[in-house]
Every structure is written in structure tokens, then in C-alpha cells.
Amino acid sequence: MQDEHIIQQIIRSVSAKDTDVIFEVGPGTGALTRLLVKQSGLVVAVELDRRLIERLQAQITGDNFTLVEADALRVDWDALLDSAVERWRTLHSDITDEPRLRIVANLPYYISTPIIERLLAGNHRFFDMILMLQEEVVDRIVSQPGSKEYGYLSVFVQYFCEADKLFTVPPIAFSPVPKVDSAIVKLTLRKEPVIDIKDRGEFFALIRAAFAQRRKTILNNLKAAAAISDFDELPDKALQNCGLDAMRRAETFSLKDFAVLYHSLFYK
């Protein structure tokens, strides 16, 4: 990232405070990190590339900056958050409020979905996430039922978060210049999910099955998944019981529709 205007836009979007513990995943050369350290109560940068780590260590110092050499997909996030909160309390013993735990990240396309899944499904202590992603991924995240971008990732993220696309980032903001546009999305974690689900594993397996073949009807996709799923009801009967049209495609189903279908398929 080399565009100072975009960097400032991101910093304004984060709007960090002393009460914020910010986990920056993939800080790169530290263009954002330097500014976050000036505004935040604590910045914990998670980086895997040894060359970048050495550069960050040489260029960024301060009691409120911690650099962790780790893979964001494999690190123990609970332990990392616990350690960061203790560090923040040591630095800010005069503040009585609890810290807000936040993510800021520029995620490569090929790992964006697994990292988002790991952060959201594995830990519900975060307040929000400001993510730079390939624009088509952001469009999938914020899309609504009935749109061609709407799919598994849309349902997954919107179950946990309110998602807002903030602004696009042109390729010329980077060096070297990529062949795709990027965008910034803000994910604000919900205090409570908008739907009540007994088993999230079952629910998201159902969502994956529903979108397995986008051109097929919901019934055909569920029939294909029935052999490897522990449905308590046959898919056609479940759809009939909950009053959902079996000829609809999954892309037309809202979160609430999927919740109704889930409870009809898994009723035990």
C-alpha cells in the first residue's frame, strides 16, 4: 500500500481510541501500523514473513506495539487475545472501561475466506473488523438474497455481523499494481445472532449444501447432500412442512428462510 490518501481513509474508518486493542493481520511494511500505534491503546501485529518482521522490528517501536510471528490461520487466538488484554491493562491502568478488541487486515484473495471463517466462528470477543479484500469478495459478503453475488460467504458473515462496504481501492494504490480492484468492508459483530440455531456446524453445512450447485433448485441440492448429512427429515418433506418452495434456488433464501429450513430438517 503506497497511496497516502487511501491509508488516511482506512485510518479514519478505524477511528482508533486508547480503549482499542487492534490486531493487525499482515501488517506488511507497516504503512497502517505506524498510524495505528499513534492512536490505539495497543497494536498487536500478526505477521508470518520473517523479512517483514525484521523490517517492522527496526522501524516501529513503542510500549503499545507488539509483533507476533505467527500464521493467522493457525495461531491460538484465545491465548493471543488474553495476552493482549493483560498488556493493555498494564499500559492503561487508569482506564476503567473494558478494551474493544478489533481486527484490521489486508487479506490476500486466496486466504480471505478461511481467515474470516476462523476469526468469526472461532472467537466472538471481537468488536469489529476492518478488512481490505478483493472487491468481488466484499460484494459477496454484503450481497442480499436474490443477487448473483449472494452465497455461502454472504450467509456466514451476515449470521455473525452487520456488513458494510465502505469504499473501493484502485489497483494504482499498490506497488506492484495488481490486476484487480480491492475494497474496504467493515464487519461489526452482532451481540446476538439474528436467528436462533442449535448447532452452528450443522447449520453452515446445510448452507454449503444449499449452494453446492447454484443453478440447481434447493431441493435438488439437498437431495444430493442427504446421503452424507444427518437430516432428521427428507428434504422434500422438510421443505413442504415449513412452507418453502422446493423449486426456489438457494440464492433467494434469506437468513430467516434458512433458519426455518434448518429446524425442519434437524428437529431432534
C-alpha atoms as a PDB file:
ATOM      1  CA  MET A   1       0.000   0.000   0.000  1.00  0.00           C
ATOM      2  CA  GLN A   2       1.549   3.289  -1.122  1.00  0.00           C
ATOM      3  CA  ASP A   3      -1.389   5.682  -1.589  1.00  0.00           C
ATOM      4  CA  GLU A   4      -1.394   8.106   1.344  1.00  0.00           C
ATOM      5  CA  HIS A   5      -4.982   9.187   0.639  1.00  0.00           C
ATOM      6  CA  ILE A   6      -6.249   5.587   0.882  1.00  0.00           C
ATOM      7  CA  ILE A   7      -4.176   4.997   4.010  1.00  0.00           C
ATOM      8  CA  GLN A   8      -5.783   8.012   5.667  1.00  0.00           C
ATOM      9  CA  GLN A   9      -9.245   6.824   4.595  1.00  0.00           C
ATOM     10  CA  ILE A  10      -8.623   3.494   6.281  1.00  0.00           C
ATOM     11  CA  ILE A  11      -7.321   5.175   9.426  1.00  0.00           C
ATOM     12  CA  ARG A  12     -10.434   7.371   9.570  1.00  0.00           C
ATOM     13  CA  SER A  13     -12.608   4.277   9.111  1.00  0.00           C
ATOM     14  CA  VAL A  14     -10.889   2.573  12.042  1.00  0.00           C
ATOM     15  CA  SER A  15     -11.034   5.754  14.177  1.00  0.00           C
ATOM     16  CA  ALA A  16      -8.950   4.124  16.899  1.00  0.00           C
ATOM     17  CA  LYS A  17      -9.000   5.114  20.571  1.00  0.00           C
ATOM     18  CA  ASP A  18      -6.980   4.413  23.709  1.00  0.00           C
ATOM     19  CA  THR A  19      -9.574   1.800  24.641  1.00  0.00           C
ATOM     20  CA  ASP A  20      -8.899  -0.180  21.448  1.00  0.00           C
ATOM     21  CA  VAL A  21      -6.689  -3.241  21.182  1.00  0.00           C
ATOM     22  CA  ILE A  22      -6.103  -3.624  17.460  1.00  0.00           C
ATOM     23  CA  PHE A  23      -4.895  -6.855  15.922  1.00  0.00           C
ATOM     24  CA  GLU A  24      -3.392  -6.094  12.530  1.00  0.00           C
ATOM     25  CA  VAL A  25      -3.179  -9.241  10.429  1.00  0.00           C
ATOM     26  CA  GLY A  26      -0.496  -8.987   7.754  1.00  0.00           C
ATOM     27  CA  PRO A  27       0.946  -5.523   8.521  1.00  0.00           C
ATOM     28  CA  GLY A  28       3.294  -5.717   5.543  1.00  0.00           C
ATOM     29  CA  THR A  29       5.758  -2.826   5.602  1.00  0.00           C
ATOM     30  CA  GLY A  30       3.824  -1.044   8.346  1.00  0.00           C
ATOM     31  CA  ALA A  31       2.160   1.798   6.418  1.00  0.00           C
ATOM     32  CA  LEU A  32      -1.003   1.446   8.520  1.00  0.00           C
ATOM     33  CA  THR A  33       0.731   0.103  11.601  1.00  0.00           C
ATOM     34  CA  ARG A  34       2.660   3.303  12.312  1.00  0.00           C
ATOM     35  CA  LEU A  35      -0.525   5.359  12.375  1.00  0.00           C
ATOM     36  CA  LEU A  36      -2.498   2.782  14.367  1.00  0.00           C
ATOM     37  CA  VAL A  37       0.201   2.730  17.043  1.00  0.00           C
ATOM     38  CA  LYS A  38      -0.126   6.512  17.440  1.00  0.00           C
ATOM     39  CA  GLN A  39      -3.893   6.317  18.026  1.00  0.00           C
ATOM     40  CA  SER A  40      -4.606   2.969  19.713  1.00  0.00           C
ATOM     41  CA  GLY A  41      -4.224   1.651  23.219  1.00  0.00           C
ATOM     42  CA  LEU A  42      -2.327  -1.351  21.869  1.00  0.00           C
ATOM     43  CA  VAL A  43      -1.499  -2.736  18.425  1.00  0.00           C
ATOM     44  CA  VAL A  44      -0.677  -6.418  18.029  1.00  0.00           C
ATOM     45  CA  ALA A  45       0.695  -7.130  14.555  1.00  0.00           C
ATOM     46  CA  VAL A  46       0.474 -10.743  13.365  1.00  0.00           C
ATOM     47  CA  GLU A  47       2.982 -11.446  10.593  1.00  0.00           C
ATOM     48  CA  LEU A  48       4.478 -14.643   9.166  1.00  0.00           C
ATOM     49  CA  ASP A  49       7.091 -13.279   6.737  1.00  0.00           C
ATOM     50  CA  ARG A  50      10.469 -13.134   8.527  1.00  0.00           C
ATOM     51  CA  ARG A  51      11.807 -10.387   6.227  1.00  0.00           C
ATOM     52  CA  LEU A  52       8.844  -8.140   7.008  1.00  0.00           C
ATOM     53  CA  ILE A  53       9.121  -8.926  10.712  1.00  0.00           C
ATOM     54  CA  GLU A  54      12.734  -7.741  10.788  1.00  0.00           C
ATOM     55  CA  ARG A  55      11.775  -4.542   8.979  1.00  0.00           C
ATOM     56  CA  LEU A  56       8.870  -3.842  11.334  1.00  0.00           C
ATOM     57  CA  GLN A  57      11.021  -4.501  14.397  1.00  0.00           C
ATOM     58  CA  ALA A  58      13.594  -1.997  13.147  1.00  0.00           C
ATOM     59  CA  GLN A  59      11.123   0.717  12.213  1.00  0.00           C
ATOM     60  CA  ILE A  60       8.277   0.582  14.737  1.00  0.00           C
ATOM     61  CA  THR A  61       8.832   0.813  18.458  1.00  0.00           C
ATOM     62  CA  GLY A  62       6.710   1.710  21.447  1.00  0.00           C
ATOM     63  CA  ASP A  63       5.259   0.180  24.584  1.00  0.00           C
ATOM     64  CA  ASN A  64       1.890  -0.138  22.876  1.00  0.00           C
ATOM     65  CA  PHE A  65       3.207  -2.171  19.927  1.00  0.00           C
ATOM     66  CA  THR A  66       3.674  -5.942  19.929  1.00  0.00           C
ATOM     67  CA  LEU A  67       4.815  -8.024  16.976  1.00  0.00           C
ATOM     68  CA  VAL A  68       3.803 -11.691  16.849  1.00  0.00           C
ATOM     69  CA  GLU A  69       5.405 -14.077  14.383  1.00  0.00           C
ATOM     70  CA  ALA A  70       2.551 -16.413  13.533  1.00  0.00           C
ATOM     71  CA  ASP A  71       0.184 -17.721  10.882  1.00  0.00           C
ATOM     72  CA  ALA A  72      -3.228 -16.079  11.413  1.00  0.00           C
ATOM     73  CA  LEU A  73      -4.896 -19.330  10.334  1.00  0.00           C
ATOM     74  CA  ARG A  74      -3.137 -21.371  12.996  1.00  0.00           C
ATOM     75  CA  VAL A  75      -2.390 -19.057  15.892  1.00  0.00           C
ATOM     76  CA  ASP A  76      -4.219 -19.607  19.195  1.00  0.00           C
ATOM     77  CA  TRP A  77      -6.470 -16.558  19.043  1.00  0.00           C
ATOM     78  CA  ASP A  78      -7.895 -17.025  22.540  1.00  0.00           C
ATOM     79  CA  ALA A  79      -4.415 -17.025  24.074  1.00  0.00           C
ATOM     80  CA  LEU A  80      -3.362 -14.089  21.902  1.00  0.00           C
ATOM     81  CA  LEU A  81      -6.396 -12.041  22.953  1.00  0.00           C
ATOM     82  CA  ASP A  82      -5.904 -12.876  26.642  1.00  0.00           C
ATOM     83  CA  SER A  83      -2.266 -11.820  26.486  1.00  0.00           C
ATOM     84  CA  ALA A  84      -3.088  -8.602  24.640  1.00  0.00           C
ATOM     85  CA  VAL A  85      -5.802  -7.611  27.115  1.00  0.00           C
ATOM     86  CA  GLU A  86      -3.403  -8.101  30.029  1.00  0.00           C
ATOM     87  CA  ARG A  87      -0.788  -5.994  28.250  1.00  0.00           C
ATOM     88  CA  TRP A  88      -3.360  -3.259  27.570  1.00  0.00           C
ATOM     89  CA  ARG A  89      -4.423  -3.223  31.235  1.00  0.00           C
ATOM     90  CA  THR A  90      -0.816  -2.821  32.307  1.00  0.00           C
ATOM     91  CA  LEU A  91      -0.351   0.111  29.937  1.00  0.00           C
ATOM     92  CA  HIS A  92      -3.670   1.780  30.750  1.00  0.00           C
ATOM     93  CA  SER A  93      -4.318   1.061  34.419  1.00  0.00           C
ATOM     94  CA  ASP A  94      -6.029   4.462  34.697  1.00  0.00           C
ATOM     95  CA  ILE A  95      -8.815   3.445  32.262  1.00  0.00           C
ATOM     96  CA  THR A  96     -11.764   1.687  33.886  1.00  0.00           C
ATOM     97  CA  ASP A  97     -13.535   0.746  30.652  1.00  0.00           C
ATOM     98  CA  GLU A  98     -13.012  -2.656  29.071  1.00  0.00           C
ATOM     99  CA  PRO A  99     -10.935  -2.616  25.857  1.00  0.00           C
ATOM    100  CA  ARG A 100     -12.514  -3.127  22.456  1.00  0.00           C
ATOM    101  CA  LEU A 101     -10.852  -5.970  20.537  1.00  0.00           C
ATOM    102  CA  ARG A 102     -10.647  -5.123  16.843  1.00  0.00           C
ATOM    103  CA  ILE A 103      -9.175  -6.572  13.656  1.00  0.00           C
ATOM    104  CA  VAL A 104      -7.555  -4.559  10.866  1.00  0.00           C
ATOM    105  CA  ALA A 105      -6.288  -6.608   7.935  1.00  0.00           C
ATOM    106  CA  ASN A 106      -5.356  -6.617   4.283  1.00  0.00           C
ATOM    107  CA  LEU A 107      -6.216 -10.185   3.304  1.00  0.00           C
ATOM    108  CA  PRO A 108      -4.977 -11.859   0.110  1.00  0.00           C
ATOM    109  CA  TYR A 109      -7.737 -13.359  -2.012  1.00  0.00           C
ATOM    110  CA  TYR A 110      -6.611 -16.970  -1.622  1.00  0.00           C
ATOM    111  CA  ILE A 111      -6.845 -16.976   2.189  1.00  0.00           C
ATOM    112  CA  SER A 112      -9.554 -14.365   2.789  1.00  0.00           C
ATOM    113  CA  THR A 113     -12.465 -16.762   3.266  1.00  0.00           C
ATOM    114  CA  PRO A 114     -10.701 -19.239   5.617  1.00  0.00           C
ATOM    115  CA  ILE A 115      -9.339 -16.411   7.785  1.00  0.00           C
ATOM    116  CA  ILE A 116     -12.748 -14.729   8.007  1.00  0.00           C
ATOM    117  CA  GLU A 117     -14.300 -18.083   8.938  1.00  0.00           C
ATOM    118  CA  ARG A 118     -11.616 -18.682  11.569  1.00  0.00           C
ATOM    119  CA  LEU A 119     -11.962 -15.232  13.127  1.00  0.00           C
ATOM    120  CA  LEU A 120     -15.759 -15.231  13.230  1.00  0.00           C
ATOM    121  CA  ALA A 121     -16.578 -18.845  14.059  1.00  0.00           C
ATOM    122  CA  GLY A 122     -13.706 -19.368  16.473  1.00  0.00           C
ATOM    123  CA  ASN A 123     -13.874 -16.242  18.592  1.00  0.00           C
ATOM    124  CA  HIS A 124     -16.759 -13.942  19.479  1.00  0.00           C
ATOM    125  CA  ARG A 125     -14.828 -11.449  21.565  1.00  0.00           C
ATOM    126  CA  PHE A 126     -14.097  -9.065  18.715  1.00  0.00           C
ATOM    127  CA  PHE A 127     -15.959  -5.775  18.443  1.00  0.00           C
ATOM    128  CA  ASP A 128     -15.431  -5.268  14.718  1.00  0.00           C
ATOM    129  CA  MET A 129     -13.181  -5.939  11.738  1.00  0.00           C
ATOM    130  CA  ILE A 130     -11.977  -3.510   9.086  1.00  0.00           C
ATOM    131  CA  LEU A 131     -10.815  -5.636   6.165  1.00  0.00           C
ATOM    132  CA  MET A 132      -9.281  -4.892   2.791  1.00  0.00           C
ATOM    133  CA  LEU A 133     -10.280  -7.618   0.365  1.00  0.00           C
ATOM    134  CA  GLN A 134     -10.625  -8.171  -3.335  1.00  0.00           C
ATOM    135  CA  GLU A 135     -13.706  -6.179  -4.293  1.00  0.00           C
ATOM    136  CA  GLU A 136     -15.607  -9.192  -5.600  1.00  0.00           C
ATOM    137  CA  VAL A 137     -15.216 -10.846  -2.173  1.00  0.00           C
ATOM    138  CA  VAL A 138     -16.568  -7.737  -0.436  1.00  0.00           C
ATOM    139  CA  ASP A 139     -19.511  -7.686  -2.847  1.00  0.00           C
ATOM    140  CA  ARG A 140     -20.264 -11.311  -1.955  1.00  0.00           C
ATOM    141  CA  ILE A 141     -20.100 -10.540   1.759  1.00  0.00           C
ATOM    142  CA  VAL A 142     -22.558  -7.626   1.655  1.00  0.00           C
ATOM    143  CA  SER A 143     -24.908  -9.009  -1.021  1.00  0.00           C
ATOM    144  CA  GLN A 144     -28.559  -9.682  -0.282  1.00  0.00           C
ATOM    145  CA  PRO A 145     -30.876 -12.581  -1.272  1.00  0.00           C
ATOM    146  CA  GLY A 146     -31.734 -12.527  -4.957  1.00  0.00           C
ATOM    147  CA  SER A 147     -28.422 -11.111  -6.168  1.00  0.00           C
ATOM    148  CA  LYS A 148     -25.947 -13.132  -8.208  1.00  0.00           C
ATOM    149  CA  GLU A 149     -23.176 -12.495  -5.632  1.00  0.00           C
ATOM    150  CA  TYR A 150     -25.223 -13.888  -2.726  1.00  0.00           C
ATOM    151  CA  GLY A 151     -23.928 -17.226  -1.476  1.00  0.00           C
ATOM    152  CA  TYR A 152     -22.396 -19.177   1.375  1.00  0.00           C
ATOM    153  CA  LEU A 153     -19.982 -16.413   2.404  1.00  0.00           C
ATOM    154  CA  SER A 154     -22.816 -13.859   2.497  1.00  0.00           C
ATOM    155  CA  VAL A 155     -24.896 -16.029   4.829  1.00  0.00           C
ATOM    156  CA  PHE A 156     -21.929 -16.984   7.001  1.00  0.00           C
ATOM    157  CA  VAL A 157     -20.730 -13.415   7.595  1.00  0.00           C
ATOM    158  CA  GLN A 158     -24.189 -11.900   7.997  1.00  0.00           C
ATOM    159  CA  TYR A 159     -25.056 -14.502  10.615  1.00  0.00           C
ATOM    160  CA  PHE A 160     -22.309 -13.087  12.836  1.00  0.00           C
ATOM    161  CA  CYS A 161     -22.040  -9.482  11.648  1.00  0.00           C
ATOM    162  CA  GLU A 162     -23.523  -6.371  10.172  1.00  0.00           C
ATOM    163  CA  ALA A 163     -21.508  -5.870   6.984  1.00  0.00           C
ATOM    164  CA  ASP A 164     -20.901  -2.513   5.293  1.00  0.00           C
ATOM    165  CA  LYS A 165     -18.848  -1.850   2.170  1.00  0.00           C
ATOM    166  CA  LEU A 166     -17.016   1.401   2.893  1.00  0.00           C
ATOM    167  CA  PHE A 167     -15.081   2.272  -0.277  1.00  0.00           C
ATOM    168  CA  THR A 168     -13.118   0.802  -3.164  1.00  0.00           C
ATOM    169  CA  VAL A 169      -9.341   0.845  -3.521  1.00  0.00           C
ATOM    170  CA  PRO A 170      -7.969   1.123  -7.089  1.00  0.00           C
ATOM    171  CA  PRO A 171      -5.034  -1.031  -8.221  1.00  0.00           C
ATOM    172  CA  ILE A 172      -2.749   2.023  -8.503  1.00  0.00           C
ATOM    173  CA  ALA A 173      -2.828   2.318  -4.699  1.00  0.00           C
ATOM    174  CA  PHE A 174      -0.444  -0.653  -4.578  1.00  0.00           C
ATOM    175  CA  SER A 175       3.054  -1.404  -5.749  1.00  0.00           C
ATOM    176  CA  PRO A 176       3.307  -3.619  -7.678  1.00  0.00           C
ATOM    177  CA  VAL A 177      -0.055  -2.838  -9.262  1.00  0.00           C
ATOM    178  CA  PRO A 178      -2.475  -5.818  -9.005  1.00  0.00           C
ATOM    179  CA  LYS A 179      -4.901  -6.780 -11.753  1.00  0.00           C
ATOM    180  CA  VAL A 180      -7.995  -6.487  -9.525  1.00  0.00           C
ATOM    181  CA  ASP A 181      -9.797  -3.798  -7.557  1.00  0.00           C
ATOM    182  CA  SER A 182      -9.921  -4.015  -3.783  1.00  0.00           C
ATOM    183  CA  ALA A 183     -12.445  -2.670  -1.274  1.00  0.00           C
ATOM    184  CA  ILE A 184     -12.758  -1.976   2.428  1.00  0.00           C
ATOM    185  CA  VAL A 185     -15.521  -3.709   4.369  1.00  0.00           C
ATOM    186  CA  LYS A 186     -16.493  -3.145   7.977  1.00  0.00           C
ATOM    187  CA  LEU A 187     -17.867  -6.130   9.887  1.00  0.00           C
ATOM    188  CA  THR A 188     -19.486  -5.195  13.191  1.00  0.00           C
ATOM    189  CA  LEU A 189     -20.105  -8.293  15.255  1.00  0.00           C
ATOM    190  CA  ARG A 190     -23.642  -8.756  16.493  1.00  0.00           C
ATOM    191  CA  LYS A 191     -24.192  -9.101  20.213  1.00  0.00           C
ATOM    192  CA  GLU A 192     -26.647 -11.854  19.387  1.00  0.00           C
ATOM    193  CA  PRO A 193     -27.176 -13.672  16.051  1.00  0.00           C
ATOM    194  CA  VAL A 194     -30.310 -12.638  14.179  1.00  0.00           C
ATOM    195  CA  ILE A 195     -31.518 -16.240  14.130  1.00  0.00           C
ATOM    196  CA  ASP A 196     -31.557 -18.968  16.768  1.00  0.00           C
ATOM    197  CA  ILE A 197     -29.596 -22.073  15.752  1.00  0.00           C
ATOM    198  CA  LYS A 198     -28.943 -25.115  17.943  1.00  0.00           C
ATOM    199  CA  ASP A 199     -25.856 -26.411  16.123  1.00  0.00           C
ATOM    200  CA  ARG A 200     -23.833 -23.978  14.009  1.00  0.00           C
ATOM    201  CA  GLY A 201     -21.826 -26.791  12.452  1.00  0.00           C
ATOM    202  CA  GLU A 202     -24.993 -28.403  11.120  1.00  0.00           C
ATOM    203  CA  PHE A 203     -26.379 -25.050  10.014  1.00  0.00           C
ATOM    204  CA  PHE A 204     -23.352 -23.994   7.971  1.00  0.00           C
ATOM    205  CA  ALA A 205     -23.027 -27.487   6.481  1.00  0.00           C
ATOM    206  CA  LEU A 206     -26.613 -27.027   5.316  1.00  0.00           C
ATOM    207  CA  ILE A 207     -25.742 -23.648   3.780  1.00  0.00           C
ATOM    208  CA  ARG A 208     -22.791 -25.160   1.908  1.00  0.00           C
ATOM    209  CA  ALA A 209     -25.018 -27.931   0.596  1.00  0.00           C
ATOM    210  CA  ALA A 210     -27.712 -25.467  -0.464  1.00  0.00           C
ATOM    211  CA  PHE A 211     -25.232 -23.507  -2.601  1.00  0.00           C
ATOM    212  CA  ALA A 212     -23.286 -26.524  -3.902  1.00  0.00           C
ATOM    213  CA  GLN A 213     -24.736 -26.139  -7.414  1.00  0.00           C
ATOM    214  CA  ARG A 214     -26.048 -22.610  -7.825  1.00  0.00           C
ATOM    215  CA  ARG A 215     -28.151 -23.381 -10.895  1.00  0.00           C
ATOM    216  CA  LYS A 216     -29.991 -26.231  -9.166  1.00  0.00           C
ATOM    217  CA  THR A 217     -33.069 -25.852  -7.007  1.00  0.00           C
ATOM    218  CA  ILE A 218     -32.778 -26.011  -3.235  1.00  0.00           C
ATOM    219  CA  LEU A 219     -34.497 -29.418  -3.310  1.00  0.00           C
ATOM    220  CA  ASN A 220     -32.033 -30.945  -5.767  1.00  0.00           C
ATOM    221  CA  ASN A 221     -29.046 -29.648  -3.825  1.00  0.00           C
ATOM    222  CA  LEU A 222     -30.417 -31.003  -0.564  1.00  0.00           C
ATOM    223  CA  LYS A 223     -31.208 -34.375  -2.129  1.00  0.00           C
ATOM    224  CA  ALA A 224     -27.599 -34.580  -3.319  1.00  0.00           C
ATOM    225  CA  ALA A 225     -26.391 -33.819   0.206  1.00  0.00           C
ATOM    226  CA  ALA A 226     -28.815 -36.141   2.007  1.00  0.00           C
ATOM    227  CA  ALA A 227     -26.575 -39.198   1.693  1.00  0.00           C
ATOM    228  CA  ILE A 228     -23.797 -37.575   3.718  1.00  0.00           C
ATOM    229  CA  SER A 229     -25.944 -35.417   6.014  1.00  0.00           C
ATOM    230  CA  ASP A 230     -27.731 -36.387   9.197  1.00  0.00           C
ATOM    231  CA  PHE A 231     -31.071 -34.844   8.269  1.00  0.00           C
ATOM    232  CA  ASP A 232     -33.932 -35.847  10.554  1.00  0.00           C
ATOM    233  CA  GLU A 233     -36.409 -35.316   7.718  1.00  0.00           C
ATOM    234  CA  LEU A 234     -36.342 -35.944   3.971  1.00  0.00           C
ATOM    235  CA  PRO A 235     -35.571 -32.702   2.089  1.00  0.00           C
ATOM    236  CA  ASP A 236     -38.807 -32.612   0.083  1.00  0.00           C
ATOM    237  CA  LYS A 237     -40.884 -33.282   3.217  1.00  0.00           C
ATOM    238  CA  ALA A 238     -38.929 -30.717   5.245  1.00  0.00           C
ATOM    239  CA  LEU A 239     -39.498 -28.007   2.620  1.00  0.00           C
ATOM    240  CA  GLN A 240     -43.189 -28.849   2.449  1.00  0.00           C
ATOM    241  CA  ASN A 241     -43.525 -28.804   6.247  1.00  0.00           C
ATOM    242  CA  CYS A 242     -42.049 -25.319   6.578  1.00  0.00           C
ATOM    243  CA  GLY A 243     -43.872 -23.850   3.596  1.00  0.00           C
ATOM    244  CA  LEU A 244     -40.822 -23.124   1.432  1.00  0.00           C
ATOM    245  CA  ASP A 245     -40.989 -23.599  -2.330  1.00  0.00           C
ATOM    246  CA  ALA A 246     -38.787 -26.561  -3.282  1.00  0.00           C
ATOM    247  CA  MET A 247     -38.218 -25.076  -6.746  1.00  0.00           C
ATOM    248  CA  ARG A 248     -36.514 -21.951  -5.433  1.00  0.00           C
ATOM    249  CA  ARG A 249     -32.758 -21.588  -5.642  1.00  0.00           C
ATOM    250  CA  ALA A 250     -30.658 -21.059  -2.529  1.00  0.00           C
ATOM    251  CA  GLU A 251     -29.722 -17.523  -3.647  1.00  0.00           C
ATOM    252  CA  THR A 252     -33.315 -16.426  -2.937  1.00  0.00           C
ATOM    253  CA  PHE A 253     -33.264 -17.646   0.688  1.00  0.00           C
ATOM    254  CA  SER A 254     -32.801 -15.139   3.499  1.00  0.00           C
ATOM    255  CA  LEU A 255     -31.110 -15.957   6.798  1.00  0.00           C
ATOM    256  CA  LYS A 256     -34.535 -16.446   8.339  1.00  0.00           C
ATOM    257  CA  ASP A 257     -35.584 -18.772   5.490  1.00  0.00           C
ATOM    258  CA  PHE A 258     -32.504 -20.890   6.097  1.00  0.00           C
ATOM    259  CA  ALA A 259     -33.251 -20.965   9.827  1.00  0.00           C
ATOM    260  CA  VAL A 260     -36.790 -22.220   9.161  1.00  0.00           C
ATOM    261  CA  LEU A 261     -35.441 -24.862   6.775  1.00  0.00           C
ATOM    262  CA  TYR A 262     -32.758 -25.898   9.270  1.00  0.00           C
ATOM    263  CA  HIS A 263     -35.310 -26.506  12.030  1.00  0.00           C
ATOM    264  CA  SER A 264     -37.437 -28.521   9.624  1.00  0.00           C
ATOM    265  CA  LEU A 265     -34.511 -30.718   8.566  1.00  0.00           C
ATOM    266  CA  PHE A 266     -32.988 -31.053  12.063  1.00  0.00           C
ATOM    267  CA  TYR A 267     -35.801 -31.252  14.564  1.00  0.00           C
ATOM    268  CA  LYS A 268     -34.435 -33.712  17.144  1.00  0.00           C
END
